[in-house]
């Protein structure tokens, strides 16, 4: 019998394999999403009347500066 834990573990493993971090920017992005910081920043950006907080540019720049070796 397949348990819910096995299904969740399998799905999480496949997600992690497909979405491996390319560098430090991806790792920081995952951390901020998991803790809810990214949502707060996006909300604050909208309240301030700005369109973009610059997170994606910062993430790409950090990935280029500190890439993970393959």
PDB file of N, CA and C in Angstrom:
ATOM      1  N   UNK A   1       0.824  -1.168   0.000  1.00  0.00           N
ATOM      2  CA  UNK A   1       0.000   0.000   0.000  1.00  0.00           C
ATOM      3  C   UNK A   1       0.881   1.249   0.000  1.00  0.00           C
ATOM      4  N   UNK A   2       0.582   2.178  -0.868  1.00  0.00           N
ATOM      5  CA  UNK A   2       1.349   3.406  -0.966  1.00  0.00           C
ATOM      6  C   UNK A   2       0.820   4.399   0.072  1.00  0.00           C
ATOM      7  N   UNK A   3       1.740   4.889   0.884  1.00  0.00           N
ATOM      8  CA  UNK A   3       1.334   5.847   1.915  1.00  0.00           C
ATOM      9  C   UNK A   3       1.456   7.271   1.394  1.00  0.00           C
ATOM     10  N   UNK A   4       0.783   8.174   2.049  1.00  0.00           N
ATOM     11  CA  UNK A   4       0.843   9.580   1.680  1.00  0.00           C
ATOM     12  C   UNK A   4       2.263  10.106   1.817  1.00  0.00           C
ATOM     13  N   UNK A   5       2.987   9.656   2.822  1.00  0.00           N
ATOM     14  CA  UNK A   5       4.366  10.087   3.026  1.00  0.00           C
ATOM     15  C   UNK A   5       5.235   9.726   1.825  1.00  0.00           C
ATOM     16  N   UNK A   6       5.071   8.522   1.293  1.00  0.00           N
ATOM     17  CA  UNK A   6       5.854   8.100   0.133  1.00  0.00           C
ATOM     18  C   UNK A   6       5.533   8.939  -1.090  1.00  0.00           C
ATOM     19  N   UNK A   7       4.270   9.252  -1.278  1.00  0.00           N
ATOM     20  CA  UNK A   7       3.867  10.062  -2.429  1.00  0.00           C
ATOM     21  C   UNK A   7       4.475  11.455  -2.321  1.00  0.00           C
ATOM     22  N   UNK A   8       4.382  12.069  -1.139  1.00  0.00           N
ATOM     23  CA  UNK A   8       4.926  13.407  -0.936  1.00  0.00           C
ATOM     24  C   UNK A   8       6.444  13.396  -1.114  1.00  0.00           C
ATOM     25  N   UNK A   9       7.104  12.399  -0.573  1.00  0.00           N
ATOM     26  CA  UNK A   9       8.557  12.288  -0.706  1.00  0.00           C
ATOM     27  C   UNK A   9       8.956  12.145  -2.165  1.00  0.00           C
ATOM     28  N   UNK A  10       8.239  11.329  -2.904  1.00  0.00           N
ATOM     29  CA  UNK A  10       8.522  11.124  -4.328  1.00  0.00           C
ATOM     30  C   UNK A  10       8.342  12.418  -5.109  1.00  0.00           C
ATOM     31  N   UNK A  11       7.248  13.132  -4.860  1.00  0.00           N
ATOM     32  CA  UNK A  11       6.993  14.380  -5.574  1.00  0.00           C
ATOM     33  C   UNK A  11       8.044  15.437  -5.233  1.00  0.00           C
ATOM     34  N   UNK A  12       8.406  15.517  -3.963  1.00  0.00           N
ATOM     35  CA  UNK A  12       9.415  16.483  -3.542  1.00  0.00           C
ATOM     36  C   UNK A  12      10.768  16.172  -4.185  1.00  0.00           C
ATOM     37  N   UNK A  13      11.142  14.897  -4.234  1.00  0.00           N
ATOM     38  CA  UNK A  13      12.407  14.497  -4.828  1.00  0.00           C
ATOM     39  C   UNK A  13      12.436  14.847  -6.313  1.00  0.00           C
ATOM     40  N   UNK A  14      11.354  14.568  -7.038  1.00  0.00           N
ATOM     41  CA  UNK A  14      11.312  14.887  -8.460  1.00  0.00           C
ATOM     42  C   UNK A  14      11.372  16.391  -8.686  1.00  0.00           C
ATOM     43  N   UNK A  15      10.689  17.162  -7.860  1.00  0.00           N
ATOM     44  CA  UNK A  15      10.726  18.618  -7.985  1.00  0.00           C
ATOM     45  C   UNK A  15      12.142  19.126  -7.771  1.00  0.00           C
ATOM     46  N   UNK A  16      12.819  18.623  -6.760  1.00  0.00           N
ATOM     47  CA  UNK A  16      14.175  19.067  -6.461  1.00  0.00           C
ATOM     48  C   UNK A  16      15.138  18.687  -7.578  1.00  0.00           C
ATOM     49  N   UNK A  17      14.940  17.525  -8.202  1.00  0.00           N
ATOM     50  CA  UNK A  17      15.812  17.103  -9.287  1.00  0.00           C
ATOM     51  C   UNK A  17      15.638  17.996 -10.507  1.00  0.00           C
ATOM     52  N   UNK A  18      14.405  18.381 -10.806  1.00  0.00           N
ATOM     53  CA  UNK A  18      14.136  19.215 -11.976  1.00  0.00           C
ATOM     54  C   UNK A  18      14.568  20.656 -11.744  1.00  0.00           C
ATOM     55  N   UNK A  19      14.484  21.131 -10.518  1.00  0.00           N
ATOM     56  CA  UNK A  19      14.747  22.529 -10.205  1.00  0.00           C
ATOM     57  C   UNK A  19      15.974  22.681  -9.318  1.00  0.00           C
ATOM     58  N   UNK A  20      17.097  22.141  -9.770  1.00  0.00           N
ATOM     59  CA  UNK A  20      18.319  22.261  -8.993  1.00  0.00           C
ATOM     60  C   UNK A  20      18.799  23.702  -9.004  1.00  0.00           C
ATOM     61  N   UNK A  21      19.382  24.103  -7.926  1.00  0.00           N
ATOM     62  CA  UNK A  21      19.912  25.455  -7.828  1.00  0.00           C
ATOM     63  C   UNK A  21      21.136  25.593  -8.720  1.00  0.00           C
ATOM     64  N   UNK A  22      21.157  26.675  -9.496  1.00  0.00           N
ATOM     65  CA  UNK A  22      22.300  26.947 -10.367  1.00  0.00           C
ATOM     66  C   UNK A  22      23.384  27.717  -9.632  1.00  0.00           C
ATOM     67  N   UNK A  23      22.987  28.414  -8.572  1.00  0.00           N
ATOM     68  CA  UNK A  23      23.948  29.211  -7.825  1.00  0.00           C
ATOM     69  C   UNK A  23      23.347  29.742  -6.548  1.00  0.00           C
ATOM     70  N   UNK A  24      24.059  30.678  -5.930  1.00  0.00           N
ATOM     71  CA  UNK A  24      23.632  31.238  -4.653  1.00  0.00           C
ATOM     72  C   UNK A  24      22.285  31.948  -4.761  1.00  0.00           C
ATOM     73  N   UNK A  25      22.030  32.597  -5.881  1.00  0.00           N
ATOM     74  CA  UNK A  25      20.764  33.315  -6.061  1.00  0.00           C
ATOM     75  C   UNK A  25      19.560  32.397  -5.965  1.00  0.00           C
ATOM     76  N   UNK A  26      19.657  31.204  -6.567  1.00  0.00           N
ATOM     77  CA  UNK A  26      18.555  30.237  -6.498  1.00  0.00           C
ATOM     78  C   UNK A  26      18.337  29.742  -5.073  1.00  0.00           C
ATOM     79  N   UNK A  27      19.423  29.530  -4.340  1.00  0.00           N
ATOM     80  CA  UNK A  27      19.299  29.063  -2.960  1.00  0.00           C
ATOM     81  C   UNK A  27      18.637  30.123  -2.078  1.00  0.00           C
ATOM     82  N   UNK A  28      19.019  31.370  -2.258  1.00  0.00           N
ATOM     83  CA  UNK A  28      18.407  32.453  -1.490  1.00  0.00           C
ATOM     84  C   UNK A  28      16.938  32.589  -1.860  1.00  0.00           C
ATOM     85  N   UNK A  29      16.623  32.432  -3.150  1.00  0.00           N
ATOM     86  CA  UNK A  29      15.230  32.506  -3.603  1.00  0.00           C
ATOM     87  C   UNK A  29      14.389  31.406  -2.947  1.00  0.00           C
ATOM     88  N   UNK A  30      14.914  30.210  -2.864  1.00  0.00           N
ATOM     89  CA  UNK A  30      14.180  29.113  -2.209  1.00  0.00           C
ATOM     90  C   UNK A  30      13.956  29.405  -0.735  1.00  0.00           C
ATOM     91  N   UNK A  31      14.988  29.931  -0.076  1.00  0.00           N
ATOM     92  CA  UNK A  31      14.877  30.233   1.344  1.00  0.00           C
ATOM     93  C   UNK A  31      13.816  31.305   1.589  1.00  0.00           C
ATOM     94  N   UNK A  32      13.836  32.370   0.777  1.00  0.00           N
ATOM     95  CA  UNK A  32      12.884  33.453   0.990  1.00  0.00           C
ATOM     96  C   UNK A  32      11.458  33.019   0.670  1.00  0.00           C
ATOM     97  N   UNK A  33      11.287  32.113  -0.279  1.00  0.00           N
ATOM     98  CA  UNK A  33       9.947  31.585  -0.566  1.00  0.00           C
ATOM     99  C   UNK A  33       9.459  30.710   0.592  1.00  0.00           C
ATOM    100  N   UNK A  34      10.342  29.874   1.126  1.00  0.00           N
ATOM    101  CA  UNK A  34       9.954  28.955   2.199  1.00  0.00           C
ATOM    102  C   UNK A  34       9.598  29.693   3.489  1.00  0.00           C
ATOM    103  N   UNK A  35      10.277  30.803   3.759  1.00  0.00           N
ATOM    104  CA  UNK A  35      10.036  31.532   5.004  1.00  0.00           C
ATOM    105  C   UNK A  35       8.954  32.594   4.872  1.00  0.00           C
ATOM    106  N   UNK A  36       8.556  32.907   3.645  1.00  0.00           N
ATOM    107  CA  UNK A  36       7.517  33.905   3.437  1.00  0.00           C
ATOM    108  C   UNK A  36       8.048  35.315   3.259  1.00  0.00           C
ATOM    109  N   UNK A  37       9.356  35.470   3.274  1.00  0.00           N
ATOM    110  CA  UNK A  37       9.960  36.790   3.111  1.00  0.00           C
ATOM    111  C   UNK A  37       9.649  37.353   1.732  1.00  0.00           C
ATOM    112  N   UNK A  38       9.699  36.508   0.715  1.00  0.00           N
ATOM    113  CA  UNK A  38       9.458  36.976  -0.648  1.00  0.00           C
ATOM    114  C   UNK A  38       8.045  37.550  -0.799  1.00  0.00           C
ATOM    115  N   UNK A  39       7.074  36.914  -0.196  1.00  0.00           N
ATOM    116  CA  UNK A  39       5.700  37.408  -0.262  1.00  0.00           C
ATOM    117  C   UNK A  39       5.575  38.776   0.396  1.00  0.00           C
ATOM    118  N   UNK A  40       6.245  38.960   1.526  1.00  0.00           N
ATOM    119  CA  UNK A  40       6.208  40.250   2.214  1.00  0.00           C
ATOM    120  C   UNK A  40       6.869  41.345   1.385  1.00  0.00           C
ATOM    121  N   UNK A  41       7.979  41.012   0.740  1.00  0.00           N
ATOM    122  CA  UNK A  41       8.673  41.994  -0.093  1.00  0.00           C
ATOM    123  C   UNK A  41       7.804  42.379  -1.286  1.00  0.00           C
ATOM    124  N   UNK A  42       7.167  41.391  -1.911  1.00  0.00           N
ATOM    125  CA  UNK A  42       6.304  41.686  -3.050  1.00  0.00           C
ATOM    126  C   UNK A  42       5.113  42.536  -2.627  1.00  0.00           C
ATOM    127  N   UNK A  43       4.549  42.256  -1.469  1.00  0.00           N
ATOM    128  CA  UNK A  43       3.438  43.047  -0.958  1.00  0.00           C
ATOM    129  C   UNK A  43       3.879  44.488  -0.672  1.00  0.00           C
ATOM    130  N   UNK A  44       5.029  44.634  -0.054  1.00  0.00           N
ATOM    131  CA  UNK A  44       5.564  45.961   0.225  1.00  0.00           C
ATOM    132  C   UNK A  44       5.853  46.746  -1.044  1.00  0.00           C
ATOM    133  N   UNK A  45       6.316  46.055  -2.064  1.00  0.00           N
ATOM    134  CA  UNK A  45       6.588  46.694  -3.351  1.00  0.00           C
ATOM    135  C   UNK A  45       5.295  47.193  -3.985  1.00  0.00           C
ATOM    136  N   UNK A  46       4.253  46.401  -3.911  1.00  0.00           N
ATOM    137  CA  UNK A  46       2.965  46.806  -4.470  1.00  0.00           C
ATOM    138  C   UNK A  46       2.392  47.994  -3.705  1.00  0.00           C
ATOM    139  N   UNK A  47       2.522  47.979  -2.390  1.00  0.00           N
ATOM    140  CA  UNK A  47       2.011  49.074  -1.566  1.00  0.00           C
ATOM    141  C   UNK A  47       2.769  50.368  -1.880  1.00  0.00           C
ATOM    142  N   UNK A  48       4.061  50.241  -2.163  1.00  0.00           N
ATOM    143  CA  UNK A  48       4.876  51.414  -2.478  1.00  0.00           C
ATOM    144  C   UNK A  48       4.591  51.942  -3.882  1.00  0.00           C
ATOM    145  N   UNK A  49       3.871  51.172  -4.687  1.00  0.00           N
ATOM    146  CA  UNK A  49       3.513  51.620  -6.024  1.00  0.00           C
ATOM    147  C   UNK A  49       4.524  51.261  -7.094  1.00  0.00           C
ATOM    148  N   UNK A  50       5.451  50.376  -6.779  1.00  0.00           N
ATOM    149  CA  UNK A  50       6.451  49.950  -7.755  1.00  0.00           C
ATOM    150  C   UNK A  50       5.975  48.676  -8.445  1.00  0.00           C
ATOM    151  N   UNK A  51       6.477  48.456  -9.644  1.00  0.00           N
ATOM    152  CA  UNK A  51       6.079  47.264 -10.396  1.00  0.00           C
ATOM    153  C   UNK A  51       6.929  46.055 -10.043  1.00  0.00           C
ATOM    154  N   UNK A  52       8.230  46.260  -9.823  1.00  0.00           N
ATOM    155  CA  UNK A  52       9.136  45.134  -9.611  1.00  0.00           C
ATOM    156  C   UNK A  52      10.090  45.455  -8.468  1.00  0.00           C
ATOM    157  N   UNK A  53      10.342  44.463  -7.633  1.00  0.00           N
ATOM    158  CA  UNK A  53      11.248  44.670  -6.510  1.00  0.00           C
ATOM    159  C   UNK A  53      12.707  44.419  -6.888  1.00  0.00           C
ATOM    160  N   UNK A  54      12.950  43.832  -8.060  1.00  0.00           N
ATOM    161  CA  UNK A  54      14.309  43.562  -8.511  1.00  0.00           C
ATOM    162  C   UNK A  54      14.850  42.221  -8.062  1.00  0.00           C
ATOM    163  N   UNK A  55      13.990  41.368  -7.530  1.00  0.00           N
ATOM    164  CA  UNK A  55      14.436  40.072  -7.014  1.00  0.00           C
ATOM    165  C   UNK A  55      15.036  39.187  -8.105  1.00  0.00           C
ATOM    166  N   UNK A  56      14.402  39.141  -9.261  1.00  0.00           N
ATOM    167  CA  UNK A  56      14.900  38.269 -10.336  1.00  0.00           C
ATOM    168  C   UNK A  56      16.242  38.743 -10.875  1.00  0.00           C
ATOM    169  N   UNK A  57      16.434  40.050 -11.007  1.00  0.00           N
ATOM    170  CA  UNK A  57      17.725  40.578 -11.458  1.00  0.00           C
ATOM    171  C   UNK A  57      18.811  40.249 -10.443  1.00  0.00           C
ATOM    172  N   UNK A  58      18.475  40.421  -9.163  1.00  0.00           N
ATOM    173  CA  UNK A  58      19.432  40.126  -8.097  1.00  0.00           C
ATOM    174  C   UNK A  58      19.771  38.644  -8.074  1.00  0.00           C
ATOM    175  N   UNK A  59      18.760  37.796  -8.254  1.00  0.00           N
ATOM    176  CA  UNK A  59      18.979  36.350  -8.263  1.00  0.00           C
ATOM    177  C   UNK A  59      19.907  35.957  -9.408  1.00  0.00           C
ATOM    178  N   UNK A  60      19.665  36.487 -10.610  1.00  0.00           N
ATOM    179  CA  UNK A  60      20.505  36.174 -11.766  1.00  0.00           C
ATOM    180  C   UNK A  60      21.939  36.657 -11.563  1.00  0.00           C
ATOM    181  N   UNK A  61      22.092  37.832 -10.981  1.00  0.00           N
ATOM    182  CA  UNK A  61      23.424  38.378 -10.743  1.00  0.00           C
ATOM    183  C   UNK A  61      24.194  37.510  -9.743  1.00  0.00           C
ATOM    184  N   UNK A  62      23.521  37.081  -8.676  1.00  0.00           N
ATOM    185  CA  UNK A  62      24.176  36.214  -7.687  1.00  0.00           C
ATOM    186  C   UNK A  62      24.505  34.844  -8.278  1.00  0.00           C
ATOM    187  N   UNK A  63      23.638  34.330  -9.156  1.00  0.00           N
ATOM    188  CA  UNK A  63      23.923  33.051  -9.807  1.00  0.00           C
ATOM    189  C   UNK A  63      25.169  33.144 -10.678  1.00  0.00           C
ATOM    190  N   UNK A  64      25.353  34.285 -11.353  1.00  0.00           N
ATOM    191  CA  UNK A  64      26.540  34.468 -12.198  1.00  0.00           C
ATOM    192  C   UNK A  64      27.794  34.675 -11.360  1.00  0.00           C
ATOM    193  N   UNK A  65      27.660  35.390 -10.243  1.00  0.00           N
ATOM    194  CA  UNK A  65      28.817  35.658  -9.393  1.00  0.00           C
ATOM    195  C   UNK A  65      29.264  34.428  -8.607  1.00  0.00           C
ATOM    196  N   UNK A  66      28.295  33.635  -8.142  1.00  0.00           N
ATOM    197  CA  UNK A  66      28.591  32.464  -7.304  1.00  0.00           C
ATOM    198  C   UNK A  66      27.876  31.214  -7.831  1.00  0.00           C
ATOM    199  N   UNK A  67      28.306  30.694  -8.980  1.00  0.00           N
ATOM    200  CA  UNK A  67      27.656  29.497  -9.522  1.00  0.00           C
ATOM    201  C   UNK A  67      28.080  28.242  -8.768  1.00  0.00           C
ATOM    202  N   UNK A  68      27.197  27.253  -8.761  1.00  0.00           N
ATOM    203  CA  UNK A  68      27.541  25.958  -8.186  1.00  0.00           C
ATOM    204  C   UNK A  68      28.193  25.117  -9.272  1.00  0.00           C
ATOM    205  N   UNK A  69      29.207  24.381  -8.903  1.00  0.00           N
ATOM    206  CA  UNK A  69      29.884  23.544  -9.875  1.00  0.00           C
ATOM    207  C   UNK A  69      29.050  22.306 -10.165  1.00  0.00           C
ATOM    208  N   UNK A  70      29.097  21.874 -11.397  1.00  0.00           N
ATOM    209  CA  UNK A  70      28.307  20.700 -11.803  1.00  0.00           C
ATOM    210  C   UNK A  70      29.075  19.436 -11.621  1.00  0.00           C
TER     211      UNK A  70
END
